[in-house]
N, C-alpha and C. Protein backbone atom coordinates (compact mmCIF):
# COMPACT_ATOMS: atom_id res chain seq x y z
N UNK A 1 24.46 230.42 -14.01
CA UNK A 1 23.33 229.75 -13.69
C UNK A 1 24.15 227.98 -13.31
N UNK A 2 24.30 227.62 -14.34
CA UNK A 2 25.68 226.38 -14.07
C UNK A 2 26.42 226.57 -12.57
N UNK A 3 27.20 227.87 -13.20
CA UNK A 3 28.53 228.07 -11.56
C UNK A 3 27.21 227.40 -10.31
N UNK A 4 25.98 227.85 -10.60
CA UNK A 4 25.27 227.87 -9.08
C UNK A 4 25.47 226.12 -8.51
N UNK A 5 24.88 226.24 -9.70
CA UNK A 5 24.39 224.76 -10.03
C UNK A 5 25.46 223.71 -9.43
N UNK A 6 26.86 224.28 -9.50
CA UNK A 6 28.01 223.03 -9.51
C UNK A 6 27.98 223.12 -8.10
N UNK A 7 28.38 224.49 -7.34
CA UNK A 7 28.44 224.49 -6.54
C UNK A 7 27.58 224.10 -5.27
N UNK A 8 26.33 224.09 -5.83
CA UNK A 8 25.34 222.85 -5.42
C UNK A 8 25.74 221.56 -4.76
N UNK A 9 26.01 220.65 -6.41
CA UNK A 9 26.20 220.09 -6.13
C UNK A 9 27.89 219.66 -4.96
N UNK A 10 28.87 220.17 -4.89
CA UNK A 10 29.80 220.27 -4.34
C UNK A 10 29.40 220.43 -2.81
N UNK A 11 28.48 221.36 -2.25
CA UNK A 11 28.20 221.46 -0.86
C UNK A 11 26.73 220.14 -0.22
N UNK A 12 26.91 219.44 -1.60
CA UNK A 12 25.57 217.76 -1.53
C UNK A 12 26.96 217.06 -1.61
N UNK A 13 27.97 217.12 -2.25
CA UNK A 13 28.51 215.76 -2.21
C UNK A 13 29.81 216.48 -0.38
N UNK A 14 30.40 217.33 -0.38
CA UNK A 14 30.49 217.33 0.74
C UNK A 14 29.54 217.13 2.53
N UNK A 15 28.07 217.32 2.21
CA UNK A 15 27.08 217.10 3.00
C UNK A 15 27.07 215.56 3.46
N UNK A 16 27.32 215.02 1.84
CA UNK A 16 27.57 213.06 1.89
C UNK A 16 28.88 212.74 2.36
N UNK A 17 29.31 213.46 2.28
CA UNK A 17 30.92 212.74 2.93
C UNK A 17 30.85 212.61 4.46
N UNK A 18 30.68 214.07 4.69
CA UNK A 18 30.55 214.25 6.08
C UNK A 18 29.59 213.40 7.13
N UNK A 19 28.58 213.08 6.53
CA UNK A 19 27.12 212.00 6.82
C UNK A 19 28.68 210.93 7.21
N UNK A 20 29.04 210.73 5.38
CA UNK A 20 29.72 209.09 5.98
C UNK A 20 30.85 209.25 6.71
N UNK A 21 30.97 209.94 6.72
CA UNK A 21 32.43 209.76 8.00
C UNK A 21 31.57 209.82 9.36
N UNK A 22 30.17 210.30 10.00
CA UNK A 22 30.01 210.48 10.96
C UNK A 22 29.60 209.25 10.78
N UNK A 23 28.77 208.48 10.47
CA UNK A 23 28.55 207.22 10.21
C UNK A 23 30.01 205.56 10.91
N UNK A 24 31.37 205.75 9.98
CA UNK A 24 32.03 205.73 9.68
C UNK A 24 32.27 205.22 11.41
N UNK A 25 32.36 206.79 12.34
CA UNK A 25 32.70 206.69 13.80
C UNK A 25 31.88 206.41 14.95
N UNK A 26 31.05 206.55 13.80
CA UNK A 26 29.69 205.73 15.15
C UNK A 26 29.82 203.86 15.31
N UNK A 27 29.93 203.97 13.73
CA UNK A 27 30.80 202.36 13.50
C UNK A 27 31.93 201.41 14.47
N UNK A 28 32.56 202.64 14.00
CA UNK A 28 33.62 202.23 15.45
C UNK A 28 33.58 202.38 16.79
N UNK A 29 32.69 203.13 16.66
CA UNK A 29 32.75 203.19 18.63
C UNK A 29 31.41 202.32 18.94
N UNK A 30 30.60 201.76 17.80
CA UNK A 30 29.24 201.00 18.12
C UNK A 30 30.50 199.58 18.68
N UNK A 31 31.33 198.89 18.13
CA UNK A 31 32.42 198.10 17.73
C UNK A 31 32.64 198.32 18.57
N UNK A 32 33.51 199.09 19.36
CA UNK A 32 34.65 199.25 20.13
C UNK A 32 34.22 198.93 21.43
N UNK A 33 32.62 199.44 21.45
CA UNK A 33 31.72 199.10 22.83
C UNK A 33 31.48 197.44 23.45
N UNK A 34 30.58 196.96 21.89
CA UNK A 34 31.24 195.50 21.83
C UNK A 34 31.82 194.44 22.29
N UNK A 35 33.20 195.54 22.25
CA UNK A 35 35.00 194.99 22.38
C UNK A 35 35.13 194.66 24.12
N UNK A 36 34.47 195.20 24.55
CA UNK A 36 34.88 196.15 25.83
C UNK A 36 33.67 195.73 26.49
N UNK A 37 32.80 195.28 26.03
CA UNK A 37 31.63 195.20 26.93
C UNK A 37 31.91 194.05 28.03
N UNK A 38 31.89 194.00 28.95
CA UNK A 38 32.06 193.11 30.72
C UNK A 38 31.70 191.54 29.99
N UNK A 39 33.31 190.92 30.77
CA UNK A 39 32.93 189.67 30.30
C UNK A 39 32.13 188.96 31.12
N UNK A 40 31.52 187.93 30.58
CA UNK A 40 30.38 187.42 31.24
C UNK A 40 31.41 186.49 32.05
N UNK A 41 30.52 185.57 33.53
CA UNK A 41 30.81 185.32 34.10
C UNK A 41 31.61 183.80 34.21
N UNK A 42 30.48 183.36 32.82
CA UNK A 42 30.95 182.41 32.27
C UNK A 42 32.31 182.20 31.83
N UNK A 43 32.31 183.39 31.40
CA UNK A 43 33.63 183.16 30.50
C UNK A 43 35.16 183.49 31.30
N UNK A 44 35.02 184.40 32.89
CA UNK A 44 35.52 184.60 34.11
C UNK A 44 36.33 183.39 34.75
N UNK A 45 35.24 182.65 34.86
CA UNK A 45 35.38 180.85 35.45
C UNK A 45 34.20 180.03 34.30
N UNK A 46 35.18 179.04 34.56
CA UNK A 46 35.03 177.64 33.40
C UNK A 46 33.81 176.95 34.36
N UNK A 47 33.71 177.30 35.80
CA UNK A 47 33.13 176.15 36.23
C UNK A 47 32.00 176.75 36.44
N UNK A 48 30.81 178.22 36.13
CA UNK A 48 29.87 178.67 36.06
C UNK A 48 29.33 179.02 35.00
N UNK A 49 27.96 178.58 35.13
CA UNK A 49 26.81 177.84 33.88
C UNK A 49 26.77 179.74 33.13
N UNK A 50 26.83 178.97 31.65
CA UNK A 50 27.11 180.50 31.10
C UNK A 50 25.58 181.18 30.85
N UNK A 51 26.15 182.24 31.00
CA UNK A 51 25.06 183.52 30.77
C UNK A 51 25.69 184.85 30.08
N UNK A 52 24.62 185.51 29.45
CA UNK A 52 25.14 186.78 28.70
C UNK A 52 24.16 187.76 29.74
N UNK A 53 25.07 188.69 29.24
CA UNK A 53 25.07 189.65 29.96
C UNK A 53 23.22 190.30 29.56
N UNK A 54 22.21 190.84 30.76
CA UNK A 54 20.95 191.56 30.78
C UNK A 54 21.18 192.39 29.83
N UNK A 55 19.73 192.44 29.26
CA UNK A 55 19.38 193.75 28.50
C UNK A 55 19.75 194.83 29.44
N UNK A 56 19.08 194.63 30.28
CA UNK A 56 19.13 195.92 31.54
C UNK A 56 20.59 196.81 31.13
N UNK A 57 21.37 195.64 31.85
CA UNK A 57 23.14 195.85 32.20
C UNK A 57 23.19 196.53 31.07
N UNK A 58 22.97 196.28 30.03
CA UNK A 58 23.53 196.73 28.55
C UNK A 58 22.88 197.78 27.87
N UNK A 59 21.81 197.87 28.21
CA UNK A 59 21.08 199.46 28.60
C UNK A 59 21.84 200.54 29.15
N UNK A 60 22.17 199.51 30.24
CA UNK A 60 22.63 200.50 31.63
C UNK A 60 23.76 201.01 31.09
N UNK A 61 24.55 200.58 30.59
CA UNK A 61 25.76 200.73 30.20
C UNK A 61 25.91 202.11 29.50
N UNK A 62 25.47 201.96 27.98
CA UNK A 62 25.02 202.71 26.84
C UNK A 62 24.49 203.89 27.87
N UNK A 63 23.83 203.38 28.88
CA UNK A 63 22.92 205.02 29.74
C UNK A 63 24.77 205.94 29.83
N UNK A 64 25.95 205.57 29.97
CA UNK A 64 26.79 205.98 31.09
C UNK A 64 27.46 206.18 30.09
N UNK A 65 28.06 205.53 29.27
CA UNK A 65 28.56 206.03 28.24
C UNK A 65 28.27 207.56 27.20
N UNK A 66 26.45 207.46 26.38
CA UNK A 66 26.35 208.51 27.13
C UNK A 66 25.79 209.85 27.93
N UNK A 67 25.73 209.62 29.15
CA UNK A 67 26.53 210.51 29.77
C UNK A 67 27.67 211.14 30.10
N UNK A 68 28.67 210.47 30.00
CA UNK A 68 30.24 210.76 30.03
C UNK A 68 29.80 211.42 28.83
N UNK A 69 29.90 211.55 28.02
CA UNK A 69 29.82 211.58 26.82
C UNK A 69 30.49 210.76 25.35
N UNK A 70 31.13 209.44 25.58
CA UNK A 70 31.42 208.45 25.19
C UNK A 70 30.70 208.91 23.23
N UNK A 71 29.23 208.24 24.23
CA UNK A 71 28.45 208.10 23.01
C UNK A 71 27.21 209.48 22.50
N UNK A 72 27.35 209.73 21.32
CA UNK A 72 26.28 211.38 21.13
C UNK A 72 24.97 210.70 21.86
N UNK A 73 24.24 211.88 21.57
CA UNK A 73 22.49 211.09 21.59
C UNK A 73 22.11 209.52 20.46
N UNK A 74 22.94 210.83 19.67
CA UNK A 74 23.04 209.40 17.83
C UNK A 74 23.58 208.61 18.10
N UNK A 75 24.36 208.17 18.46
CA UNK A 75 24.98 207.04 18.53
C UNK A 75 24.07 206.11 19.88
N UNK A 76 24.20 206.76 20.93
CA UNK A 76 23.51 206.19 22.22
C UNK A 76 22.25 205.56 21.18
N UNK A 77 21.51 206.53 21.29
CA UNK A 77 19.92 205.32 19.83
C UNK A 77 20.36 204.92 18.74
N UNK A 78 21.29 204.67 18.31
CA UNK A 78 21.49 204.05 17.47
C UNK A 78 21.77 201.83 18.21
N UNK A 79 22.75 202.02 18.99
CA UNK A 79 22.58 201.52 19.50
C UNK A 79 21.53 200.81 20.79
N UNK A 80 21.20 201.63 21.43
CA UNK A 80 19.67 200.75 22.00
C UNK A 80 19.11 200.45 21.06
N UNK A 81 19.04 200.73 20.09
CA UNK A 81 17.76 200.06 19.05
C UNK A 81 18.19 198.39 17.94
N UNK A 82 19.33 198.23 18.39
CA UNK A 82 20.60 197.24 17.62
C UNK A 82 20.67 196.30 18.61
N UNK A 83 20.56 196.78 19.86
CA UNK A 83 20.10 195.84 21.39
C UNK A 83 19.14 195.58 21.36
N UNK A 84 17.68 196.45 21.26
CA UNK A 84 16.28 196.31 21.65
C UNK A 84 15.99 195.25 20.74
N UNK A 85 16.72 195.57 18.94
CA UNK A 85 16.28 194.38 18.11
C UNK A 85 16.74 192.90 18.48
N UNK A 86 17.42 192.78 18.76
CA UNK A 86 17.73 191.32 19.42
C UNK A 86 19.79 191.05 18.92
């Protein structure tokens, strides 16, 4: 009985570790997405008025990354929620 409990604990630990790795990978992908976001026109041309990429364009970019396989459905949903939360 003790061995079965130990085996269950090991499996639970491994599942937790895999989830931790997935979360770290997802965070890395989101940070990469944020770093590689299109440069707003204000930064490209100093004389232009400052502007932020629109929420719609950011959501479209996320959709394209999901469609191309760069983001998983879970990563897409997390990034979308982050954008919508502001």
